């Protein structure tokens, strides 16, 4: 009989640069846990940006059916993108599709926070061993660096929030919430002007002058900001939360603090609608955009997002 050990072993794609390089220190803890549990694993370390996409894709093509991201939201984003592309390439149905898990050892860990994935490394490994999973939605964003699409699980930000994320990610040593707070303050020094955008979905189309649009599958972005306070991972819809008119520089702090609790929708300055497909366009290449914290563009004129309901097996508590 053929040896199926290789295919049944979970593949763990670890990003040693996650959390400003601190993620690598967790490798021994992860390997020790699975060794003590007498569970063979295949550990892969990334050496360059986007390599996790390739490693996850190749693992699924090779027959592995449990693919784990060890890192932050960006690592999870790459692994999901690789897994989805392999599923499409092989034409797998959901019964045969691989499960995706996460050991959250990154900078923000926003997806893990909402998905019920333990922050403690050994507890996250224990959840993986349990195999507990549910079907969740995932999205795909088109535009900027990814005209042919990039999959995501947590959310897409356009405008002010991705600007903060880009600044925070550029810090060499600072990580987590402090990096986002300092990034926020730096962006405030060059406060962004409103963008005149056209927002289109299946049911509506309208123009808006805005500085922030969040397309949320999960609820939290930037380690601390509740961008989609009512979003769900498995409701088949994106929560589109946006500033419905310009916010002046002197007003921003009053509204920004509301993102810590997700109460921005209790003001008249932010609105919400739900959709499966959303397109945002401008006449100028001014859209800053991220997906799960990963840069999509620092200036493009069109971003389209499509949600795929119940399209991913995710190892999580629920």
Protein backbone atom coordinates (compact mmCIF):
# COMPACT_ATOMS: atom_id res chain seq x y z
CA UNK A 1 0.00 0.00 0.00
CA UNK A 2 1.24 3.54 -0.69
CA UNK A 3 2.58 5.53 2.25
CA UNK A 4 0.06 8.32 2.87
CA UNK A 5 1.90 9.81 5.87
CA UNK A 6 3.20 12.74 3.86
CA UNK A 7 -0.25 13.65 2.55
CA UNK A 8 -1.99 13.27 5.91
CA UNK A 9 0.58 15.30 7.84
CA UNK A 10 -0.48 18.91 8.48
CA UNK A 11 1.63 21.40 6.56
CA UNK A 12 2.65 24.41 8.67
CA UNK A 13 3.78 27.44 6.70
CA UNK A 14 5.69 29.64 9.14
CA UNK A 15 6.64 33.20 8.32
CA UNK A 16 9.82 33.92 10.34
CA UNK A 17 9.46 37.65 9.64
CA UNK A 18 6.00 37.93 11.21
CA UNK A 19 5.78 40.19 14.26
CA UNK A 20 8.95 41.97 13.15
CA UNK A 21 10.92 38.71 13.23
CA UNK A 22 9.72 37.43 16.58
CA UNK A 23 7.58 34.65 15.07
CA UNK A 24 10.60 32.45 14.40
CA UNK A 25 11.12 32.01 18.14
CA UNK A 26 7.87 30.02 18.27
CA UNK A 27 9.07 27.32 15.90
CA UNK A 28 10.49 25.13 18.70
CA UNK A 29 7.26 25.41 20.71
CA UNK A 30 5.17 24.37 17.71
CA UNK A 31 7.39 21.46 16.73
CA UNK A 32 7.65 20.29 20.34
CA UNK A 33 3.87 20.26 20.75
CA UNK A 34 3.25 18.05 17.73
CA UNK A 35 6.21 15.82 18.58
CA UNK A 36 4.84 15.19 22.08
CA UNK A 37 1.43 14.49 20.56
CA UNK A 38 3.10 11.99 18.21
CA UNK A 39 1.66 13.81 15.20
CA UNK A 40 3.96 14.19 12.19
CA UNK A 41 3.98 17.64 10.60
CA UNK A 42 5.72 19.22 7.66
CA UNK A 43 7.18 22.60 8.63
CA UNK A 44 7.96 25.09 5.86
CA UNK A 45 9.56 28.50 6.43
CA UNK A 46 9.05 31.32 3.99
CA UNK A 47 12.07 33.22 2.73
CA UNK A 48 10.43 36.02 0.73
CA UNK A 49 7.13 37.89 0.38
CA UNK A 50 4.22 35.92 -1.17
CA UNK A 51 6.11 32.61 -0.88
CA UNK A 52 3.41 31.32 1.47
CA UNK A 53 0.98 31.50 -1.47
CA UNK A 54 3.20 29.17 -3.47
CA UNK A 55 3.91 26.78 -0.58
CA UNK A 56 0.22 26.45 0.32
CA UNK A 57 -0.74 25.94 -3.32
CA UNK A 58 1.91 23.26 -3.83
CA UNK A 59 0.95 21.48 -0.60
CA UNK A 60 -2.68 21.14 -1.68
CA UNK A 61 -1.68 20.01 -5.17
CA UNK A 62 0.57 17.37 -3.54
CA UNK A 63 -2.39 16.00 -1.59
CA UNK A 64 -2.13 17.62 1.83
CA UNK A 65 -5.51 18.45 3.32
CA UNK A 66 -4.59 20.44 6.45
CA UNK A 67 -2.70 23.66 5.75
CA UNK A 68 -1.72 25.88 8.69
CA UNK A 69 -0.48 29.46 8.60
CA UNK A 70 1.94 30.29 11.40
CA UNK A 71 2.24 34.07 11.45
CA UNK A 72 -0.09 37.03 11.34
CA UNK A 73 -2.95 38.18 9.16
CA UNK A 74 -0.65 38.56 6.18
CA UNK A 75 0.57 34.97 6.43
CA UNK A 76 -3.01 33.72 6.77
CA UNK A 77 -3.94 35.82 3.74
CA UNK A 78 -1.20 34.24 1.62
CA UNK A 79 -2.01 30.70 2.74
CA UNK A 80 -5.72 31.17 2.03
CA UNK A 81 -4.93 32.61 -1.40
CA UNK A 82 -2.73 29.62 -2.24
CA UNK A 83 -5.25 27.10 -0.94
CA UNK A 84 -8.17 28.64 -2.84
CA UNK A 85 -6.18 28.73 -6.08
CA UNK A 86 -5.27 25.06 -5.64
CA UNK A 87 -8.92 24.17 -4.92
CA UNK A 88 -9.94 25.91 -8.13
CA UNK A 89 -7.13 24.32 -10.11
CA UNK A 90 -8.05 20.81 -8.95
CA UNK A 91 -11.80 21.44 -9.15
CA UNK A 92 -12.30 20.21 -5.57
CA UNK A 93 -15.74 20.27 -3.95
CA UNK A 94 -16.06 21.25 -0.30
CA UNK A 95 -16.06 17.65 0.88
CA UNK A 96 -12.57 17.11 -0.55
CA UNK A 97 -11.26 20.64 0.05
CA UNK A 98 -8.45 21.12 2.59
CA UNK A 99 -8.90 22.68 6.00
CA UNK A 100 -7.04 25.88 6.78
CA UNK A 101 -5.83 26.79 10.26
CA UNK A 102 -3.83 29.50 11.97
CA UNK A 103 -1.25 29.76 14.72
CA UNK A 104 -1.44 33.50 15.44
CA UNK A 105 2.10 34.68 16.06
CA UNK A 106 1.98 37.87 14.01
CA UNK A 107 1.64 41.60 14.52
CA UNK A 108 -2.10 42.23 14.50
CA UNK A 109 -3.80 38.80 14.63
CA UNK A 110 -7.16 40.40 13.81
CA UNK A 111 -8.64 37.35 12.09
CA UNK A 112 -7.70 35.05 14.97
CA UNK A 113 -9.30 37.44 17.46
CA UNK A 114 -12.71 37.18 15.80
CA UNK A 115 -12.51 33.61 14.51
CA UNK A 116 -12.07 32.11 17.98
CA UNK A 117 -8.48 30.97 17.45
CA UNK A 118 -6.47 31.01 20.71
CA UNK A 119 -3.61 33.48 20.98
CA UNK A 120 -1.61 31.01 23.06
CA UNK A 121 0.57 28.94 20.72
CA UNK A 122 -0.01 25.57 22.39
CA UNK A 123 -3.76 26.17 22.61
CA UNK A 124 -3.83 27.05 18.92
CA UNK A 125 -1.94 23.82 18.16
CA UNK A 126 -4.39 21.87 20.31
CA UNK A 127 -7.27 23.33 18.29
CA UNK A 128 -5.57 22.18 15.09
CA UNK A 129 -5.24 18.66 16.46
CA UNK A 130 -8.96 18.65 17.33
CA UNK A 131 -9.78 19.34 13.67
CA UNK A 132 -12.79 21.44 14.68
CA UNK A 133 -13.80 23.54 11.70
CA UNK A 134 -16.66 25.42 10.12
CA UNK A 135 -17.36 26.78 6.68
CA UNK A 136 -16.68 30.49 6.44
CA UNK A 137 -16.91 33.06 3.67
CA UNK A 138 -13.87 34.40 1.89
CA UNK A 139 -13.46 37.30 -0.49
CA UNK A 140 -11.39 38.23 -3.51
CA UNK A 141 -10.17 41.74 -4.29
CA UNK A 142 -9.26 42.93 -7.78
CA UNK A 143 -7.16 46.04 -8.40
CA UNK A 144 -3.77 47.62 -7.85
CA UNK A 145 -1.08 44.95 -7.57
CA UNK A 146 -3.67 42.21 -8.10
CA UNK A 147 -5.67 42.83 -11.29
CA UNK A 148 -6.30 39.07 -11.50
CA UNK A 149 -7.43 38.88 -7.87
CA UNK A 150 -6.17 38.27 -4.34
CA UNK A 151 -8.19 36.22 -1.83
CA UNK A 152 -8.76 37.40 1.74
CA UNK A 153 -10.65 36.31 4.85
CA UNK A 154 -10.79 39.30 7.18
CA UNK A 155 -11.39 42.44 5.20
CA UNK A 156 -10.41 45.15 2.76
CA UNK A 157 -9.75 48.75 3.76
CA UNK A 158 -9.68 51.78 1.47
CA UNK A 159 -8.55 55.28 2.41
CA UNK A 160 -7.41 56.42 5.84
CA UNK A 161 -7.11 53.04 7.55
CA UNK A 162 -4.78 51.41 4.99
CA UNK A 163 -2.59 54.53 5.09
CA UNK A 164 -2.19 53.94 8.84
CA UNK A 165 -1.51 50.25 8.21
CA UNK A 166 1.21 50.99 5.65
CA UNK A 167 2.98 53.39 8.02
CA UNK A 168 2.71 50.91 10.91
CA UNK A 169 4.13 48.08 8.81
CA UNK A 170 7.14 50.22 7.86
CA UNK A 171 8.34 50.51 11.47
CA UNK A 172 11.40 48.32 11.93
CA UNK A 173 10.87 47.23 15.54
CA UNK A 174 7.54 48.55 16.77
CA UNK A 175 4.66 46.04 16.48
CA UNK A 176 1.05 45.41 17.49
CA UNK A 177 -1.21 48.16 18.80
CA UNK A 178 1.60 50.68 19.52
CA UNK A 179 2.69 50.59 15.87
CA UNK A 180 -0.86 51.38 14.70
CA UNK A 181 -1.29 54.20 17.20
CA UNK A 182 1.97 55.80 16.12
CA UNK A 183 1.03 55.18 12.48
CA UNK A 184 -2.26 56.97 13.08
CA UNK A 185 -0.47 59.99 14.52
CA UNK A 186 1.97 60.13 11.60
CA UNK A 187 -0.85 59.99 9.04
CA UNK A 188 -2.59 62.81 10.89
CA UNK A 189 0.38 65.07 10.05
CA UNK A 190 -0.64 64.79 6.39
CA UNK A 191 -4.36 64.39 6.81
CA UNK A 192 -5.92 62.83 3.67
CA UNK A 193 -8.40 64.79 1.60
CA UNK A 194 -11.81 63.26 0.82
CA UNK A 195 -12.03 60.95 -2.19
CA UNK A 196 -14.88 61.41 -4.65
CA UNK A 197 -15.86 57.80 -5.34
CA UNK A 198 -18.57 55.82 -7.03
CA UNK A 199 -19.72 52.86 -4.96
CA UNK A 200 -21.63 50.09 -6.75
CA UNK A 201 -23.17 46.83 -5.49
CA UNK A 202 -25.82 44.41 -6.69
CA UNK A 203 -28.58 46.62 -5.36
CA UNK A 204 -27.31 50.20 -5.34
CA UNK A 205 -25.01 52.71 -6.98
CA UNK A 206 -24.11 56.12 -5.57
CA UNK A 207 -21.42 58.78 -5.36
CA UNK A 208 -19.78 59.74 -2.10
CA UNK A 209 -17.05 62.03 -0.79
CA UNK A 210 -15.29 59.93 1.81
CA UNK A 211 -11.96 59.26 3.51
CA UNK A 212 -12.63 55.71 4.69
CA UNK A 213 -14.35 52.58 3.34
CA UNK A 214 -14.15 49.18 5.04
CA UNK A 215 -15.38 45.99 3.38
CA UNK A 216 -15.59 43.58 6.27
CA UNK A 217 -15.83 39.81 6.50
CA UNK A 218 -14.33 39.92 10.00
CA UNK A 219 -14.76 42.74 12.48
CA UNK A 220 -11.33 44.04 13.51
CA UNK A 221 -8.45 45.53 11.53
CA UNK A 222 -5.23 47.22 12.55
CA UNK A 223 -4.88 45.24 15.79
CA UNK A 224 -7.39 47.39 17.65
CA UNK A 225 -9.95 49.06 15.35
CA UNK A 226 -13.43 47.52 15.09
CA UNK A 227 -14.12 48.47 11.49
CA UNK A 228 -17.12 46.15 10.98
CA UNK A 229 -18.88 45.86 14.35
CA UNK A 230 -21.72 43.69 13.02
CA UNK A 231 -19.83 41.58 10.47
CA UNK A 232 -20.00 37.78 10.55
CA UNK A 233 -17.65 35.28 8.93
CA UNK A 234 -20.43 33.04 7.70
CA UNK A 235 -23.44 35.20 6.78
CA UNK A 236 -22.70 35.31 3.05
CA UNK A 237 -22.38 39.11 2.98
CA UNK A 238 -19.75 41.80 3.27
CA UNK A 239 -20.42 44.62 5.72
CA UNK A 240 -19.51 47.84 3.90
CA UNK A 241 -18.90 50.55 6.51
CA UNK A 242 -17.99 53.99 5.19
CA UNK A 243 -17.75 57.64 6.13
CA UNK A 244 -20.76 59.08 4.31
CA UNK A 245 -19.33 62.61 4.14
CA UNK A 246 -15.95 64.24 4.74
CA UNK A 247 -14.49 64.42 8.22
CA UNK A 248 -12.44 67.52 8.90
CA UNK A 249 -9.02 67.17 10.48
CA UNK A 250 -10.09 68.67 13.78
CA UNK A 251 -12.98 66.17 13.97
CA UNK A 252 -11.03 63.00 13.30
CA UNK A 253 -10.02 62.24 16.88
CA UNK A 254 -13.63 62.44 18.04
CA UNK A 255 -14.63 59.80 15.49
CA UNK A 256 -11.42 57.77 15.60
CA UNK A 257 -11.86 56.81 19.26
CA UNK A 258 -15.17 55.21 18.35
CA UNK A 259 -13.36 52.58 16.29
CA UNK A 260 -11.88 51.15 19.49
CA UNK A 261 -15.38 50.07 20.53
CA UNK A 262 -17.00 49.82 17.09
CA UNK A 263 -19.51 52.56 17.92
CA UNK A 264 -18.88 54.67 14.80
CA UNK A 265 -22.16 53.47 13.30
CA UNK A 266 -23.99 55.10 16.21
CA UNK A 267 -23.05 58.47 14.74
CA UNK A 268 -24.55 60.09 11.65
CA UNK A 269 -21.16 60.26 9.93
CA UNK A 270 -20.84 56.52 9.16
CA UNK A 271 -23.17 54.23 7.22
CA UNK A 272 -23.49 50.50 6.58
CA UNK A 273 -24.85 48.36 3.79
CA UNK A 274 -24.33 44.69 2.94
CA UNK A 275 -23.49 43.10 -0.39
CA UNK A 276 -21.71 40.21 -2.07
CA UNK A 277 -20.01 42.29 -4.73
CA UNK A 278 -18.80 45.89 -4.43
CA UNK A 279 -16.89 48.08 -6.89
CA UNK A 280 -15.32 51.41 -5.94
CA UNK A 281 -14.01 53.77 -8.63
CA UNK A 282 -12.48 57.24 -8.82
CA UNK A 283 -11.34 59.43 -11.69
CA UNK A 284 -7.85 59.66 -10.20
CA UNK A 285 -5.43 56.99 -8.99
CA UNK A 286 -5.81 57.84 -5.32
CA UNK A 287 -7.25 54.71 -3.68
CA UNK A 288 -5.01 53.32 -0.94
CA UNK A 289 -6.11 49.74 -0.31
CA UNK A 290 -5.15 46.70 1.74
CA UNK A 291 -6.53 43.19 2.09
CA UNK A 292 -5.94 41.52 5.47
CA UNK A 293 -3.25 44.13 6.09
CA UNK A 294 -1.39 43.29 2.86
CA UNK A 295 -0.86 46.10 0.39
CA UNK A 296 -3.12 46.05 -2.66
CA UNK A 297 -2.37 49.60 -3.78
CA UNK A 298 -1.05 52.93 -2.57
CA UNK A 299 -2.91 54.64 -5.39
CA UNK A 300 -5.28 53.09 -7.94
CA UNK A 301 -8.58 54.16 -9.51
CA UNK A 302 -10.67 50.99 -9.15
CA UNK A 303 -11.11 48.25 -6.57
CA UNK A 304 -13.64 45.41 -6.91
CA UNK A 305 -14.43 42.92 -4.16
CA UNK A 306 -16.44 39.68 -4.46
CA UNK A 307 -17.50 37.45 -1.56
CA UNK A 308 -17.70 33.66 -1.84
CA UNK A 309 -20.10 32.31 0.81
CA UNK A 310 -19.15 29.16 2.74
CA UNK A 311 -16.14 28.69 0.50
CA UNK A 312 -13.43 27.84 3.04
CA UNK A 313 -12.98 25.18 5.71
CA UNK A 314 -11.50 27.05 8.67
CA UNK A 315 -10.21 25.38 11.84
CA UNK A 316 -11.69 27.51 14.61
CA UNK A 317 -13.74 27.57 17.80
CA UNK A 318 -17.36 28.52 17.20
